[in-house]
Amino acid sequence: MFKFVWAEDQNHAIGFEGHLPWHLPADMKFFKETTIDHTLVSGSRTFASYGRPLPRRKNIVLTLNPVEQYPEGVIELHSLDELLDYAKNHKDEEIYVSGGASIFKLLLPYASDLYVTKLDGQFPADTYMPEVDYSQFELVSSREGILDEKNTIPHRFEHYRRK
């Protein structure tokens, strides 16, 4: 039902002080190409890290704190049930989940696909990806990222689909 998209290091780190712990333009390009023209669900802190609604995407914030004010056009949902109802009523939309950790953990039982950029390295972090039971998924594709002057961290892009 939901497609996860994230990057993690060798320790499953996904964040540090509200941002990515690394700079990898190839991953940002992959994220954009994967999610463009689709629906993107993120928690309030992950959404805040973008600094704005991401263009050419339907932005949904799943938050338990309804006090936050979101820009016009951002859909605010307050529970798993609301999000599941949304998905049920919008079957024509591909819904991607971009985190954070608590949102991934909440939605993991409903994940149909996993798009993960795996970085070969360890970075300072305070947020980690919840444990994924990869035995429930099959590897659909894997490709090595290209290293250059802007992309200096060895990485690979993997796509898994639930069995």
C-alpha atoms as a PDB file:
ATOM      1  CA  MET A   1       0.000   0.000   0.000  1.00  0.00           C
ATOM      2  CA  PHE A   2       2.831   2.418   0.899  1.00  0.00           C
ATOM      3  CA  LYS A   3       6.221   2.739  -0.748  1.00  0.00           C
ATOM      4  CA  PHE A   4       9.065   3.665   1.590  1.00  0.00           C
ATOM      5  CA  VAL A   5      11.944   5.783   0.354  1.00  0.00           C
ATOM      6  CA  TRP A   6      14.975   6.546   2.525  1.00  0.00           C
ATOM      7  CA  ALA A   7      18.746   6.472   2.803  1.00  0.00           C
ATOM      8  CA  GLU A   8      20.692   4.816   5.580  1.00  0.00           C
ATOM      9  CA  ASP A   9      24.282   4.195   6.584  1.00  0.00           C
ATOM     10  CA  GLN A  10      25.816   0.872   7.687  1.00  0.00           C
ATOM     11  CA  ASN A  11      24.324   1.335  11.179  1.00  0.00           C
ATOM     12  CA  HIS A  12      20.836   2.124   9.773  1.00  0.00           C
ATOM     13  CA  ALA A  13      21.250   5.794  10.680  1.00  0.00           C
ATOM     14  CA  ILE A  14      18.802   8.075   8.866  1.00  0.00           C
ATOM     15  CA  GLY A  15      19.091  11.425  10.639  1.00  0.00           C
ATOM     16  CA  PHE A  16      21.115  13.758  12.806  1.00  0.00           C
ATOM     17  CA  GLU A  17      19.754  16.884  14.471  1.00  0.00           C
ATOM     18  CA  GLY A  18      16.789  17.036  12.101  1.00  0.00           C
ATOM     19  CA  HIS A  19      18.730  16.565   8.874  1.00  0.00           C
ATOM     20  CA  LEU A  20      20.479  13.891   6.852  1.00  0.00           C
ATOM     21  CA  PRO A  21      23.884  13.080   8.370  1.00  0.00           C
ATOM     22  CA  TRP A  22      25.584  13.191   4.956  1.00  0.00           C
ATOM     23  CA  HIS A  23      25.638  15.079   1.679  1.00  0.00           C
ATOM     24  CA  LEU A  24      24.936  12.849  -1.314  1.00  0.00           C
ATOM     25  CA  PRO A  25      23.433  14.656  -4.321  1.00  0.00           C
ATOM     26  CA  ALA A  26      22.845  11.366  -6.185  1.00  0.00           C
ATOM     27  CA  ASP A  27      20.499  10.252  -3.407  1.00  0.00           C
ATOM     28  CA  MET A  28      18.615  13.548  -3.504  1.00  0.00           C
ATOM     29  CA  LYS A  29      18.222  13.124  -7.271  1.00  0.00           C
ATOM     30  CA  PHE A  30      17.013   9.534  -6.788  1.00  0.00           C
ATOM     31  CA  PHE A  31      14.505  10.691  -4.142  1.00  0.00           C
ATOM     32  CA  LYS A  32      13.180  13.404  -6.444  1.00  0.00           C
ATOM     33  CA  GLU A  33      12.922  11.106  -9.486  1.00  0.00           C
ATOM     34  CA  THR A  34      11.200   8.407  -7.434  1.00  0.00           C
ATOM     35  CA  THR A  35       8.616  10.634  -5.722  1.00  0.00           C
ATOM     36  CA  ILE A  36       7.908  13.343  -8.317  1.00  0.00           C
ATOM     37  CA  ASP A  37       4.256  13.518  -9.418  1.00  0.00           C
ATOM     38  CA  HIS A  38       3.239  11.227  -6.557  1.00  0.00           C
ATOM     39  CA  THR A  39       1.951  11.577  -3.006  1.00  0.00           C
ATOM     40  CA  LEU A  40       4.523  11.955  -0.239  1.00  0.00           C
ATOM     41  CA  VAL A  41       3.792  11.251   3.424  1.00  0.00           C
ATOM     42  CA  SER A  42       6.149  12.534   6.090  1.00  0.00           C
ATOM     43  CA  GLY A  43       6.074  13.227   9.772  1.00  0.00           C
ATOM     44  CA  SER A  44       6.170  16.813  11.016  1.00  0.00           C
ATOM     45  CA  ARG A  45       9.926  16.860  11.707  1.00  0.00           C
ATOM     46  CA  THR A  46      10.781  15.313   8.347  1.00  0.00           C
ATOM     47  CA  PHE A  47       8.474  17.771   6.599  1.00  0.00           C
ATOM     48  CA  ALA A  48      10.122  20.648   8.512  1.00  0.00           C
ATOM     49  CA  SER A  49      13.549  19.459   7.300  1.00  0.00           C
ATOM     50  CA  TYR A  50      12.418  20.116   3.696  1.00  0.00           C
ATOM     51  CA  GLY A  51      11.809  23.772   4.519  1.00  0.00           C
ATOM     52  CA  ARG A  52       8.779  23.877   2.201  1.00  0.00           C
ATOM     53  CA  PRO A  53       6.254  21.612   0.509  1.00  0.00           C
ATOM     54  CA  LEU A  54       8.120  19.631  -2.123  1.00  0.00           C
ATOM     55  CA  PRO A  55       7.074  20.687  -5.625  1.00  0.00           C
ATOM     56  CA  ARG A  56       5.176  18.426  -8.006  1.00  0.00           C
ATOM     57  CA  ARG A  57       4.103  16.173  -5.147  1.00  0.00           C
ATOM     58  CA  LYS A  58       0.992  15.979  -3.035  1.00  0.00           C
ATOM     59  CA  ASN A  59       2.441  16.622   0.436  1.00  0.00           C
ATOM     60  CA  ILE A  60       0.807  14.885   3.404  1.00  0.00           C
ATOM     61  CA  VAL A  61       2.014  15.440   6.964  1.00  0.00           C
ATOM     62  CA  LEU A  62       1.070  12.741   9.452  1.00  0.00           C
ATOM     63  CA  THR A  63       1.251  14.379  12.863  1.00  0.00           C
ATOM     64  CA  LEU A  64      -0.203  13.870  16.300  1.00  0.00           C
ATOM     65  CA  ASN A  65       0.327  17.571  17.031  1.00  0.00           C
ATOM     66  CA  PRO A  66      -2.463  19.519  15.270  1.00  0.00           C
ATOM     67  CA  VAL A  67      -1.109  22.843  16.562  1.00  0.00           C
ATOM     68  CA  GLU A  68       1.407  23.196  13.721  1.00  0.00           C
ATOM     69  CA  GLN A  69       0.386  25.393  10.804  1.00  0.00           C
ATOM     70  CA  TYR A  70       1.259  23.998   7.386  1.00  0.00           C
ATOM     71  CA  PRO A  71       1.385  25.873   4.088  1.00  0.00           C
ATOM     72  CA  GLU A  72      -1.663  25.942   1.873  1.00  0.00           C
ATOM     73  CA  GLY A  73      -2.091  22.727  -0.089  1.00  0.00           C
ATOM     74  CA  VAL A  74      -0.406  20.512   2.499  1.00  0.00           C
ATOM     75  CA  ILE A  75      -2.769  17.806   3.752  1.00  0.00           C
ATOM     76  CA  GLU A  76      -2.560  17.277   7.500  1.00  0.00           C
ATOM     77  CA  LEU A  77      -3.648  13.916   8.915  1.00  0.00           C
ATOM     78  CA  HIS A  78      -3.643  12.998  12.606  1.00  0.00           C
ATOM     79  CA  SER A  79      -3.822   9.210  12.868  1.00  0.00           C
ATOM     80  CA  LEU A  80      -3.002   5.941  11.189  1.00  0.00           C
ATOM     81  CA  ASP A  81      -6.718   5.421  10.565  1.00  0.00           C
ATOM     82  CA  GLU A  82      -6.978   8.765   8.741  1.00  0.00           C
ATOM     83  CA  LEU A  83      -4.018   7.849   6.537  1.00  0.00           C
ATOM     84  CA  LEU A  84      -5.368   4.368   5.806  1.00  0.00           C
ATOM     85  CA  ASP A  85      -8.736   5.905   4.889  1.00  0.00           C
ATOM     86  CA  TYR A  86      -6.955   8.373   2.629  1.00  0.00           C
ATOM     87  CA  ALA A  87      -5.076   5.550   0.889  1.00  0.00           C
ATOM     88  CA  LYS A  88      -8.255   3.494   0.515  1.00  0.00           C
ATOM     89  CA  ASN A  89     -10.036   6.463  -1.092  1.00  0.00           C
ATOM     90  CA  HIS A  90      -7.118   7.361  -3.378  1.00  0.00           C
ATOM     91  CA  LYS A  91      -6.141   3.993  -4.851  1.00  0.00           C
ATOM     92  CA  ASP A  92      -5.014   5.715  -8.051  1.00  0.00           C
ATOM     93  CA  GLU A  93      -2.183   7.483  -6.188  1.00  0.00           C
ATOM     94  CA  GLU A  94       1.262   6.037  -5.538  1.00  0.00           C
ATOM     95  CA  ILE A  95       1.936   6.950  -1.911  1.00  0.00           C
ATOM     96  CA  TYR A  96       5.558   7.253  -0.807  1.00  0.00           C
ATOM     97  CA  VAL A  97       6.658   7.539   2.810  1.00  0.00           C
ATOM     98  CA  SER A  98       9.785   9.564   3.585  1.00  0.00           C
ATOM     99  CA  GLY A  99       9.963   9.218   7.352  1.00  0.00           C
ATOM    100  CA  GLY A 100      10.898   9.874  10.016  1.00  0.00           C
ATOM    101  CA  ALA A 101      11.628   6.827  12.116  1.00  0.00           C
ATOM    102  CA  SER A 102       8.328   6.812  14.024  1.00  0.00           C
ATOM    103  CA  ILE A 103       6.337   7.109  10.774  1.00  0.00           C
ATOM    104  CA  PHE A 104       8.338   4.276   9.199  1.00  0.00           C
ATOM    105  CA  LYS A 105       7.749   2.106  12.269  1.00  0.00           C
ATOM    106  CA  LEU A 106       4.015   2.858  12.284  1.00  0.00           C
ATOM    107  CA  LEU A 107       3.577   2.128   8.580  1.00  0.00           C
ATOM    108  CA  LEU A 108       6.008  -0.773   8.126  1.00  0.00           C
ATOM    109  CA  PRO A 109       3.238  -3.414   8.246  1.00  0.00           C
ATOM    110  CA  TYR A 110       1.617  -1.613   5.283  1.00  0.00           C
ATOM    111  CA  ALA A 111       4.776  -1.211   3.177  1.00  0.00           C
ATOM    112  CA  SER A 112       4.554  -2.776  -0.274  1.00  0.00           C
ATOM    113  CA  ASP A 113       7.885  -1.502  -1.599  1.00  0.00           C
ATOM    114  CA  LEU A 114      11.156  -0.319  -0.087  1.00  0.00           C
ATOM    115  CA  TYR A 115      13.435   2.069  -1.975  1.00  0.00           C
ATOM    116  CA  VAL A 116      16.591   2.370   0.090  1.00  0.00           C
ATOM    117  CA  THR A 117      19.870   4.066  -0.649  1.00  0.00           C
ATOM    118  CA  LYS A 118      22.526   2.204   1.330  1.00  0.00           C
ATOM    119  CA  LEU A 119      25.624   4.214   2.127  1.00  0.00           C
ATOM    120  CA  ASP A 120      28.903   2.438   2.776  1.00  0.00           C
ATOM    121  CA  GLY A 121      29.983   4.377   5.831  1.00  0.00           C
ATOM    122  CA  GLN A 122      29.069   5.360   9.350  1.00  0.00           C
ATOM    123  CA  PHE A 123      27.932   8.849  10.263  1.00  0.00           C
ATOM    124  CA  PRO A 124      27.033  10.734  13.465  1.00  0.00           C
ATOM    125  CA  ALA A 125      23.332  10.123  14.035  1.00  0.00           C
ATOM    126  CA  ASP A 126      20.505  10.388  16.511  1.00  0.00           C
ATOM    127  CA  THR A 127      17.757   8.775  14.402  1.00  0.00           C
ATOM    128  CA  TYR A 128      17.739   5.228  13.058  1.00  0.00           C
ATOM    129  CA  MET A 129      15.579   3.236  10.681  1.00  0.00           C
ATOM    130  CA  PRO A 130      13.355   0.759  12.526  1.00  0.00           C
ATOM    131  CA  GLU A 131      14.334  -2.853  11.971  1.00  0.00           C
ATOM    132  CA  VAL A 132      13.032  -4.205   8.681  1.00  0.00           C
ATOM    133  CA  ASP A 133      12.446  -7.945   8.330  1.00  0.00           C
ATOM    134  CA  TYR A 134      13.867  -8.334   4.829  1.00  0.00           C
ATOM    135  CA  SER A 135      12.713 -11.974   4.724  1.00  0.00           C
ATOM    136  CA  GLN A 136       9.250 -10.519   3.982  1.00  0.00           C
ATOM    137  CA  PHE A 137      10.592  -8.743   0.906  1.00  0.00           C
ATOM    138  CA  GLU A 138      12.376  -9.737  -2.276  1.00  0.00           C
ATOM    139  CA  LEU A 139      15.120  -7.715  -3.903  1.00  0.00           C
ATOM    140  CA  VAL A 140      13.803  -6.386  -7.220  1.00  0.00           C
ATOM    141  CA  SER A 141      16.804  -4.332  -8.260  1.00  0.00           C
ATOM    142  CA  SER A 142      20.148  -3.104  -7.006  1.00  0.00           C
ATOM    143  CA  ARG A 143      22.573  -0.758  -8.687  1.00  0.00           C
ATOM    144  CA  GLU A 144      25.784   0.822  -7.536  1.00  0.00           C
ATOM    145  CA  GLY A 145      25.855   4.594  -7.326  1.00  0.00           C
ATOM    146  CA  ILE A 146      28.427   6.442  -9.391  1.00  0.00           C
ATOM    147  CA  LEU A 147      31.210   8.144  -7.484  1.00  0.00           C
ATOM    148  CA  ASP A 148      32.410  11.567  -8.625  1.00  0.00           C
ATOM    149  CA  GLU A 149      33.559  14.882  -7.175  1.00  0.00           C
ATOM    150  CA  LYS A 150      30.065  15.599  -5.749  1.00  0.00           C
ATOM    151  CA  ASN A 151      29.174  12.027  -4.731  1.00  0.00           C
ATOM    152  CA  THR A 152      32.119  10.771  -2.701  1.00  0.00           C
ATOM    153  CA  ILE A 153      30.317   8.237  -0.491  1.00  0.00           C
ATOM    154  CA  PRO A 154      30.064   4.713  -1.932  1.00  0.00           C
ATOM    155  CA  HIS A 155      26.355   3.857  -2.174  1.00  0.00           C
ATOM    156  CA  ARG A 156      23.835   1.661  -3.907  1.00  0.00           C
ATOM    157  CA  PHE A 157      20.161   1.958  -4.711  1.00  0.00           C
ATOM    158  CA  GLU A 158      18.013  -1.033  -3.769  1.00  0.00           C
ATOM    159  CA  HIS A 159      14.358  -1.743  -4.428  1.00  0.00           C
ATOM    160  CA  TYR A 160      12.501  -4.430  -2.490  1.00  0.00           C
ATOM    161  CA  ARG A 161       8.908  -5.609  -2.944  1.00  0.00           C
ATOM    162  CA  ARG A 162       6.852  -7.413  -0.334  1.00  0.00           C
ATOM    163  CA  LYS A 163       6.542 -11.141  -1.116  1.00  0.00           C
END
